[in-house]
Protein backbone atom coordinates (compact mmCIF):
# COMPACT_ATOMS: atom_id res chain seq x y z
CA UNK A 1 -46.56 41.03 24.65
CA UNK A 2 -45.69 42.85 21.23
CA UNK A 3 -46.46 40.61 18.09
CA UNK A 4 -42.86 40.98 16.95
CA UNK A 5 -41.61 39.63 20.62
CA UNK A 6 -44.02 36.86 20.57
CA UNK A 7 -43.21 35.70 16.67
CA UNK A 8 -39.62 35.92 18.37
CA UNK A 9 -40.24 33.50 21.03
CA UNK A 10 -41.90 31.32 18.42
CA UNK A 11 -38.81 31.19 16.57
CA UNK A 12 -36.80 30.33 19.49
CA UNK A 13 -38.91 27.39 20.24
CA UNK A 14 -38.88 26.18 16.76
CA UNK A 15 -35.00 26.50 16.75
CA UNK A 16 -34.46 25.23 20.13
CA UNK A 17 -36.71 21.88 19.32
CA UNK A 18 -34.65 21.55 16.28
CA UNK A 19 -31.03 21.69 17.65
CA UNK A 20 -32.21 19.64 20.60
CA UNK A 21 -33.66 17.00 18.22
CA UNK A 22 -30.65 16.97 15.82
CA UNK A 23 -28.01 16.44 18.92
CA UNK A 24 -29.84 13.64 20.45
CA UNK A 25 -30.03 11.98 16.98
CA UNK A 26 -25.93 12.44 16.61
CA UNK A 27 -25.45 11.25 20.28
CA UNK A 28 -27.30 7.83 19.32
CA UNK A 29 -25.05 7.26 16.71
CA UNK A 30 -21.84 7.84 18.21
CA UNK A 31 -22.92 5.77 21.18
CA UNK A 32 -23.91 3.00 18.94
CA UNK A 33 -20.78 2.77 17.20
CA UNK A 34 -18.68 3.11 20.42
CA UNK A 35 -20.88 0.12 22.22
CA UNK A 36 -19.89 -2.15 18.92
CA UNK A 37 -16.27 -1.52 19.34
CA UNK A 38 -16.68 -2.02 23.11
CA UNK A 39 -18.03 -5.19 22.77
CA UNK A 40 -15.62 -6.46 20.10
CA UNK A 41 -12.61 -5.58 22.63
CA UNK A 42 -14.19 -7.11 25.43
CA UNK A 43 -14.48 -10.29 23.51
CA UNK A 44 -10.76 -10.19 22.41
CA UNK A 45 -9.75 -9.71 26.07
CA UNK A 46 -11.79 -12.45 27.30
CA UNK A 47 -9.95 -14.80 24.73
CA UNK A 48 -6.75 -13.80 25.84
CA UNK A 49 -7.38 -14.24 29.17
CA UNK A 50 -8.96 -17.65 28.37
CA UNK A 51 -5.68 -18.75 26.58
CA UNK A 52 -3.41 -17.55 29.48
CA UNK A 53 -5.15 -19.71 31.92
CA UNK A 54 -4.96 -22.54 29.73
CA UNK A 55 -1.12 -22.08 29.23
CA UNK A 56 -0.86 -21.83 33.12
CA UNK A 57 -2.34 -25.11 33.73
CA UNK A 58 -0.18 -26.40 30.88
CA UNK A 59 2.80 -25.16 32.50
CA UNK A 60 1.62 -26.61 35.93
CA UNK A 61 1.31 -30.24 34.27
CA UNK A 62 4.63 -29.90 32.46
CA UNK A 63 6.42 -29.14 35.47
CA UNK A 64 4.71 -32.13 37.32
CA UNK A 65 5.51 -34.49 34.33
CA UNK A 66 9.25 -33.11 34.59
CA UNK A 67 9.05 -32.14 30.98
CA UNK A 68 12.05 -30.80 29.21
CA UNK A 69 13.05 -27.30 30.27
CA UNK A 70 13.14 -26.19 26.81
CA UNK A 71 9.22 -26.83 26.54
CA UNK A 72 8.40 -25.36 29.79
CA UNK A 73 10.41 -22.24 28.89
CA UNK A 74 8.79 -22.01 25.14
CA UNK A 75 5.17 -22.19 26.92
CA UNK A 76 6.49 -19.58 29.89
CA UNK A 77 7.60 -17.41 26.61
CA UNK A 78 3.95 -17.94 25.09
CA UNK A 79 2.41 -17.08 28.53
CA UNK A 80 4.64 -13.90 28.72
CA UNK A 81 3.64 -12.82 25.30
CA UNK A 82 0.12 -13.02 26.28
CA UNK A 83 0.29 -11.18 29.39
CA UNK A 84 2.24 -8.56 27.68
CA UNK A 85 -0.49 -8.01 25.19
CA UNK A 86 -3.17 -8.09 27.94
CA UNK A 87 -1.11 -5.45 30.04
CA UNK A 88 -1.06 -3.19 26.74
CA UNK A 89 -4.79 -3.99 25.63
CA UNK A 90 -5.65 -2.87 29.72
CA UNK A 91 -3.34 0.31 28.97
CA UNK A 92 -5.03 1.13 25.97
CA UNK A 93 -8.63 0.26 27.36
CA UNK A 94 -7.84 2.73 30.18
CA UNK A 95 -6.64 5.32 27.68
CA UNK A 96 -10.19 4.79 25.70
CA UNK A 97 -12.41 5.04 29.02
CA UNK A 98 -10.72 8.31 30.15
CA UNK A 99 -11.66 9.58 26.34
CA UNK A 100 -15.04 8.31 26.90
CA UNK A 101 -15.31 10.21 30.12
CA UNK A 102 -14.14 13.40 28.89
CA UNK A 103 -16.54 12.85 25.70
CA UNK A 104 -19.31 12.18 28.21
CA UNK A 105 -18.69 15.39 30.11
CA UNK A 106 -18.56 17.47 27.08
CA UNK A 107 -21.79 15.76 25.84
CA UNK A 108 -23.48 16.49 29.39
CA UNK A 109 -22.31 20.03 28.95
CA UNK A 110 -24.18 20.11 25.56
CA UNK A 111 -27.00 18.50 26.70
CA UNK A 112 -27.26 21.33 29.60
CA UNK A 113 -27.31 23.84 27.27
CA UNK A 114 -29.83 22.44 24.82
CA UNK A 115 -32.10 21.72 28.05
CA UNK A 116 -31.64 25.28 29.43
CA UNK A 117 -32.51 26.55 25.92
CA UNK A 118 -35.72 24.26 25.70
CA UNK A 119 -36.75 25.39 29.00
CA UNK A 120 -36.47 29.00 28.25
CA UNK A 121 -38.59 28.51 25.01
CA UNK A 122 -41.04 26.56 26.72
CA UNK A 123 -41.14 29.29 29.69
CA UNK A 124 -42.04 31.86 26.52
CA UNK A 125 -44.65 29.80 25.41
CA UNK A 126 -46.31 29.72 28.49
CA UNK A 127 -46.11 33.22 28.90
CA UNK A 128 -47.46 33.77 25.59
CA UNK A 129 -50.39 31.80 26.41
CA UNK A 130 -51.01 33.37 29.78
CA UNK A 131 -50.97 36.77 28.44
CA UNK A 132 -53.73 35.92 25.98
CA UNK A 133 -51.30 35.69 22.73
CA UNK A 134 -53.70 33.04 21.33
CA UNK A 135 -56.50 35.51 21.99
CA UNK A 136 -54.73 38.29 19.59
CA UNK A 137 -54.20 35.69 17.29
CA UNK A 138 -57.81 34.54 16.92
CA UNK A 139 -58.67 38.58 16.41
CA UNK A 140 -55.86 38.36 13.64
CA UNK A 141 -57.74 35.81 11.75
CA UNK A 142 -60.92 37.97 11.89
CA UNK A 143 -58.99 40.84 10.72
CA UNK A 144 -57.38 39.24 7.54
CA UNK A 145 -57.85 41.11 4.43
CA UNK A 146 -58.67 37.71 2.57
CA UNK A 147 -59.43 34.00 2.76
CA UNK A 148 -55.88 33.07 2.10
CA UNK A 149 -54.23 35.26 4.72
CA UNK A 150 -56.73 33.82 7.30
CA UNK A 151 -55.85 30.16 6.25
CA UNK A 152 -51.98 31.09 6.70
CA UNK A 153 -52.63 32.78 9.81
CA UNK A 154 -54.49 29.59 11.08
CA UNK A 155 -51.91 27.25 9.83
CA UNK A 156 -49.12 29.38 11.99
CA UNK A 157 -51.15 29.30 14.91
CA UNK A 158 -51.62 25.52 14.88
CA UNK A 159 -47.75 24.82 14.19
CA UNK A 160 -47.29 27.23 17.17
CA UNK A 161 -49.62 25.32 19.44
CA UNK A 162 -47.70 21.88 18.08
CA UNK A 163 -44.36 23.79 18.75
CA UNK A 164 -45.00 24.04 22.35
CA UNK A 165 -46.06 20.56 23.04
CA UNK A 166 -42.97 19.44 20.96
CA UNK A 167 -40.76 21.61 22.89
CA UNK A 168 -42.15 20.29 26.40
CA UNK A 169 -41.53 16.80 25.09
CA UNK A 170 -37.94 17.84 24.13
CA UNK A 171 -37.17 19.40 27.56
CA UNK A 172 -38.19 16.10 28.94
CA UNK A 173 -36.07 13.82 26.35
CA UNK A 174 -33.36 16.35 27.24
CA UNK A 175 -33.63 15.79 31.00
CA UNK A 176 -33.69 11.83 30.68
CA UNK A 177 -30.88 11.74 28.35
CA UNK A 178 -29.17 14.08 30.90
CA UNK A 179 -29.72 11.62 33.35
CA UNK A 180 -28.81 8.58 31.50
CA UNK A 181 -25.23 10.14 30.22
CA UNK A 182 -24.39 10.90 34.06
CA UNK A 183 -25.06 7.35 34.74
CA UNK A 184 -22.72 6.56 31.84
CA UNK A 185 -20.10 8.49 33.23
CA UNK A 186 -20.29 6.90 36.76
CA UNK A 187 -20.09 3.55 34.38
CA UNK A 188 -16.82 4.47 32.59
CA UNK A 189 -15.04 6.16 35.44
CA UNK A 190 -15.59 2.89 37.32
CA UNK A 191 -14.55 0.72 34.14
CA UNK A 192 -11.19 2.73 33.60
CA UNK A 193 -10.62 2.43 37.40
CA UNK A 194 -11.09 -1.48 37.16
CA UNK A 195 -8.98 -1.41 34.14
CA UNK A 196 -6.11 0.23 35.79
CA UNK A 197 -6.43 -2.27 38.60
CA UNK A 198 -6.35 -5.22 36.26
CA UNK A 199 -3.43 -4.11 34.73
CA UNK A 200 -1.57 -3.52 37.92
CA UNK A 201 -2.31 -7.37 38.58
CA UNK A 202 -1.39 -8.64 35.04
CA UNK A 203 1.98 -6.70 35.45
CA UNK A 204 2.68 -8.41 38.91
CA UNK A 205 1.94 -11.68 36.93
CA UNK A 206 4.34 -10.79 34.34
CA UNK A 207 7.24 -10.08 36.64
CA UNK A 208 6.40 -13.19 38.44
CA UNK A 209 6.53 -15.05 35.45
CA UNK A 210 9.71 -13.60 34.01
CA UNK A 211 11.48 -14.70 37.77
CA UNK A 212 10.32 -18.34 37.25
CA UNK A 213 11.50 -18.13 33.47
CA UNK A 214 14.84 -16.86 34.51
CA UNK A 215 15.39 -19.69 37.15
CA UNK A 216 14.46 -22.29 34.18
CA UNK A 217 16.71 -20.90 31.91
CA UNK A 218 19.62 -21.01 34.05
CA UNK A 219 19.29 -24.61 34.24
CA UNK A 220 18.43 -25.34 30.56
CA UNK A 221 21.48 -23.44 29.46
CA UNK A 222 24.03 -26.40 30.26
CA UNK A 223 21.56 -28.65 28.54
CA UNK A 224 23.11 -29.53 25.03
CA UNK A 225 20.30 -31.01 23.79
CA UNK A 226 17.86 -28.16 24.76
CA UNK A 227 20.62 -25.96 22.96
CA UNK A 228 20.00 -28.28 19.57
CA UNK A 229 16.28 -28.26 20.02
CA UNK A 230 16.24 -24.29 20.27
CA UNK A 231 18.52 -23.95 16.98
CA UNK A 232 16.02 -26.49 15.28
CA UNK A 233 13.26 -23.97 16.36
CA UNK A 234 14.80 -21.14 15.10
CA UNK A 235 15.40 -22.69 11.88
CA UNK A 236 11.43 -23.28 11.80
CA UNK A 237 10.88 -19.50 12.90
CA UNK A 238 13.27 -18.57 10.14
CA UNK A 239 11.19 -20.23 7.63
CA UNK A 240 7.72 -18.88 9.37
CA UNK A 241 9.24 -15.42 9.02
CA UNK A 242 10.21 -15.65 5.52
CA UNK A 243 6.64 -16.73 4.53
CA UNK A 244 5.21 -14.06 6.41
CA UNK A 245 7.40 -11.36 4.43
CA UNK A 246 6.51 -12.93 1.38
CA UNK A 247 2.91 -12.98 1.97
CA UNK A 248 3.03 -8.99 3.17
CA UNK A 249 5.01 -8.38 -0.23
CA UNK A 250 2.54 -10.09 -2.25
CA UNK A 251 -0.42 -8.20 -0.80
CA UNK A 252 1.04 -4.87 -1.14
CA UNK A 253 2.17 -5.33 -4.92
CA UNK A 254 -1.37 -6.30 -5.75
CA UNK A 255 -2.09 -4.09 -8.79
CA UNK A 256 -4.76 -1.54 -8.59
CA UNK A 257 -8.12 -2.02 -10.31
CA UNK A 258 -7.48 -1.08 -14.15
CA UNK A 259 -9.85 1.41 -15.76
CA UNK A 260 -11.70 0.35 -18.92
CA UNK A 261 -10.02 1.04 -21.96
CA UNK A 262 -11.55 3.18 -24.34
CA UNK A 263 -12.94 0.89 -26.95
CA UNK A 264 -12.92 3.55 -29.50
CA UNK A 265 -8.97 3.54 -29.56
CA UNK A 266 -7.33 1.51 -31.96
CA UNK A 267 -4.00 2.66 -32.04
CA UNK A 268 -1.64 1.48 -29.34
CA UNK A 269 0.19 3.83 -27.02
CA UNK A 270 3.65 4.24 -28.50
CA UNK A 271 6.35 2.02 -26.32
CA UNK A 272 8.20 4.49 -23.91
CA UNK A 273 11.74 5.01 -24.34
CA UNK A 274 14.03 3.23 -21.75
CA UNK A 275 14.54 7.08 -19.99
CA UNK A 276 11.02 7.12 -19.62
CA UNK A 277 10.55 3.84 -17.81
CA UNK A 278 12.47 4.67 -15.50
CA UNK A 279 10.17 6.74 -12.69
CA UNK A 280 11.90 8.85 -9.67
CA UNK A 281 11.84 7.20 -6.37
CA UNK A 282 9.08 8.31 -3.86
CA UNK A 283 10.81 10.74 -1.71
CA UNK A 284 10.02 8.28 1.37
CA UNK A 285 11.56 5.35 -0.18
CA UNK A 286 14.64 7.66 -1.40
CA UNK A 287 15.05 8.56 2.20
CA UNK A 288 14.99 5.18 3.66
CA UNK A 289 17.35 4.02 0.76
CA UNK A 290 19.65 7.14 1.80
CA UNK A 291 20.06 5.20 5.44
CA UNK A 292 22.21 2.21 3.70
CA UNK A 293 25.45 2.11 5.41
CA UNK A 294 24.43 4.65 8.23
CA UNK A 295 21.23 3.26 9.63
CA UNK A 296 20.75 3.23 13.41
CA UNK A 297 21.25 0.22 15.20
CA UNK A 298 18.06 -1.30 16.77
CA UNK A 299 19.84 -1.68 20.22
CA UNK A 300 22.71 0.14 21.81
CA UNK A 301 25.79 -1.31 23.47
CA UNK A 302 25.57 -4.60 21.90
CA UNK A 303 27.67 -7.58 20.18
CA UNK A 304 26.74 -9.40 17.15
CA UNK A 305 26.93 -13.21 18.55
CA UNK A 306 25.32 -14.62 15.21
CA UNK A 307 26.16 -13.06 11.55
CA UNK A 308 24.36 -12.86 8.64
CA UNK A 309 24.46 -16.18 6.77
CA UNK A 310 26.04 -19.77 7.57
CA UNK A 311 26.84 -19.65 11.10
CA UNK A 312 28.52 -22.82 13.29
CA UNK A 313 27.73 -23.36 16.95
CA UNK A 314 30.37 -23.52 19.02
CA UNK A 315 28.99 -26.07 21.30
CA UNK A 316 26.85 -28.11 19.24
CA UNK A 317 28.67 -27.77 15.96
CA UNK A 318 25.39 -27.10 14.45
CA UNK A 319 25.43 -25.29 11.22
CA UNK A 320 22.36 -22.67 10.63
CA UNK A 321 21.48 -20.05 8.29
CA UNK A 322 20.95 -16.54 9.86
CA UNK A 323 18.60 -14.39 7.88
CA UNK A 324 19.48 -11.49 10.14
CA UNK A 325 21.89 -10.61 13.00
CA UNK A 326 21.80 -11.80 16.51
CA UNK A 327 22.68 -8.83 19.03
CA UNK A 328 23.75 -9.71 22.26
CA UNK A 329 23.26 -7.20 25.42
CA UNK A 330 23.54 -7.40 28.87
CA UNK A 331 19.82 -6.66 29.90
CA UNK A 332 16.82 -5.67 28.87
CA UNK A 333 17.74 -3.00 26.70
CA UNK A 334 14.90 -0.90 24.89
CA UNK A 335 14.73 -1.51 21.41
CA UNK A 336 14.30 1.26 18.90
CA UNK A 337 12.59 1.11 15.31
CA UNK A 338 15.47 1.55 12.53
CA UNK A 339 13.13 3.96 10.43
CA UNK A 340 9.87 5.46 10.20
CA UNK A 341 7.32 2.94 9.26
CA UNK A 342 4.15 1.14 10.36
CA UNK A 343 3.92 -1.79 12.61
CA UNK A 344 2.70 -4.68 10.48
CA UNK A 345 2.54 -7.83 12.61
CA UNK A 346 3.18 -8.80 16.37
CA UNK A 347 3.27 -12.91 16.89
CA UNK A 348 4.87 -15.13 19.12
CA UNK A 349 6.96 -18.43 17.62
CA UNK A 350 8.99 -20.81 19.01
CA UNK A 351 12.43 -20.23 18.94
CA UNK A 352 12.32 -16.18 18.26
CA UNK A 353 9.25 -15.80 21.15
CA UNK A 354 7.73 -12.37 20.51
CA UNK A 355 8.41 -11.09 16.99
CA UNK A 356 7.57 -7.47 15.86
CA UNK A 357 7.71 -6.69 11.83
CA UNK A 358 7.61 -2.76 10.79
CA UNK A 359 6.88 -2.26 7.17
CA UNK A 360 9.05 0.83 5.82
CA UNK A 361 8.62 3.12 2.35
CA UNK A 362 9.26 1.11 -0.83
CA UNK A 363 8.45 -2.10 0.49
CA UNK A 364 11.64 -2.66 3.18
CA UNK A 365 10.58 -4.47 6.34
CA UNK A 366 12.60 -4.72 9.50
CA UNK A 367 11.92 -7.74 12.14
CA UNK A 368 12.53 -7.64 15.57
CA UNK A 369 12.91 -10.98 17.59
CA UNK A 370 13.55 -12.18 21.47
CA UNK A 371 11.46 -9.06 22.58
CA UNK A 372 10.35 -9.52 26.28
CA UNK A 373 8.02 -6.68 26.11
CA UNK A 374 5.90 -4.79 23.68
CA UNK A 375 4.83 -1.41 23.43
CA UNK A 376 3.07 -0.87 20.16
CA UNK A 377 0.06 -2.10 18.39
CA UNK A 378 -0.19 -3.38 14.93
CA UNK A 379 -1.15 -0.79 12.52
CA UNK A 380 0.63 1.89 14.50
CA UNK A 381 2.88 4.37 13.00
CA UNK A 382 6.70 4.42 14.42
CA UNK A 383 9.17 7.06 13.93
CA UNK A 384 12.87 6.38 13.72
CA UNK A 385 14.29 5.56 17.04
CA UNK A 386 10.96 5.21 18.88
CA UNK A 387 11.22 2.36 21.44
CA UNK A 388 8.67 -0.50 20.37
CA UNK A 389 9.67 -3.09 23.32
CA UNK A 390 12.39 -4.44 25.43
CA UNK A 391 14.98 -7.48 24.48
CA UNK A 392 13.66 -10.53 26.17
CA UNK A 393 15.74 -13.25 27.86
CA UNK A 394 16.56 -16.25 25.82
CA UNK A 395 18.53 -19.94 26.33
CA UNK A 396 21.34 -17.44 24.91
CA UNK A 397 20.97 -14.60 27.24
CA UNK A 398 19.55 -11.18 26.33
CA UNK A 399 19.75 -11.65 22.58
CA UNK A 400 17.79 -9.45 19.85
CA UNK A 401 17.17 -11.12 16.51
CA UNK A 402 17.29 -8.19 13.59
CA UNK A 403 16.35 -8.75 10.00
CA UNK A 404 15.71 -6.67 6.89
CA UNK A 405 13.91 -7.23 3.85
CA UNK A 406 13.21 -5.63 0.51
CA UNK A 407 10.21 -7.13 -0.68
CA UNK A 408 11.12 -10.74 -0.80
CA UNK A 409 14.71 -10.13 -0.82
CA UNK A 410 16.54 -10.94 2.55
CA UNK A 411 19.34 -7.95 3.11
CA UNK A 412 22.30 -8.39 5.01
CA UNK A 413 21.95 -5.61 7.69
CA UNK A 414 25.53 -5.17 8.13
CA UNK A 415 25.48 -3.29 5.06
CA UNK A 416 22.91 -0.90 6.34
CA UNK A 417 23.85 -0.72 9.69
CA UNK A 418 26.37 2.36 10.52
């Protein structure tokens, strides 16, 4: 082996070890962050399951006590909301597990490559030792032209020996990491299969609960007192939605921290002219406001049964204020978001059941109530027309409640929908 090839092999050993150590550190950091996320998600899923079990017991107790159909429907609706949330969480968990499987397979491939490089580097080191490369190096110490050159050669000889030992240790670590990743891969595959099984079970439970709810609703529709209680719940829900919108508007309107003023400046800035105070609309806001009068309806094939403003119930004679439109459809039709935006809130409340709020450009917000199923998550960006859920069944049938707001101002959807 020539001196040049020996030095080349030494470089390969050093480089392979450095790459292996860096890759192992990166994998460890990613795994730690990922594990934290998994623990939080597991905790949240368990809380949802406990709440569902609690509601099941309450529903059984309410039936045994022959409580009002409206109260039982509320509990079933709340349970339905939670099971739907659990199904969505399990669907996303299965998707994350698949992503984890893909990531681990990539990591295993990289570790295998690194392990092969380390193995080859260590093999070069062993061959170099076997062929007497160290004897040659000792001769080069004796042939040194100066003490400084001899010291440098000695230091390099020592580092070369240390790198050989480190390369062996790195090779062992790489193989151990490979075994760990392969074990983790099997765990992730098993977890994904479990999540899909649980999702299927919960979907069956969801369908069972819907059939039970339909039966109780059919009995409750003839109960005038149940309808009056339902209208009162709607009034309370309207107040709650209004407060939520106000809180969102207040949070969004908080000013950014002002930069410190220049203390050396004594002359105040000139007051801008009225024309200068008017800023052009943000393109996204302008695009939203251009929808006025031609906005897409959140559902198709529906009929407005409660209009915006004051309404008198034909059966109870009760006068109520509607902050939006109630749109009746024949079945659990899909609900499409009316414009591009971000899902700000998903919640459940008596009177409107599952409620979803989407924030649009310029402080506009749309509200969708009485949803039977929800397909999106909070924080998710949605495009106009994207299906965010399906209409749920209530005492009044399949009715979607739809509202439109600009900051804290309640808008009449009739003026916006095409």
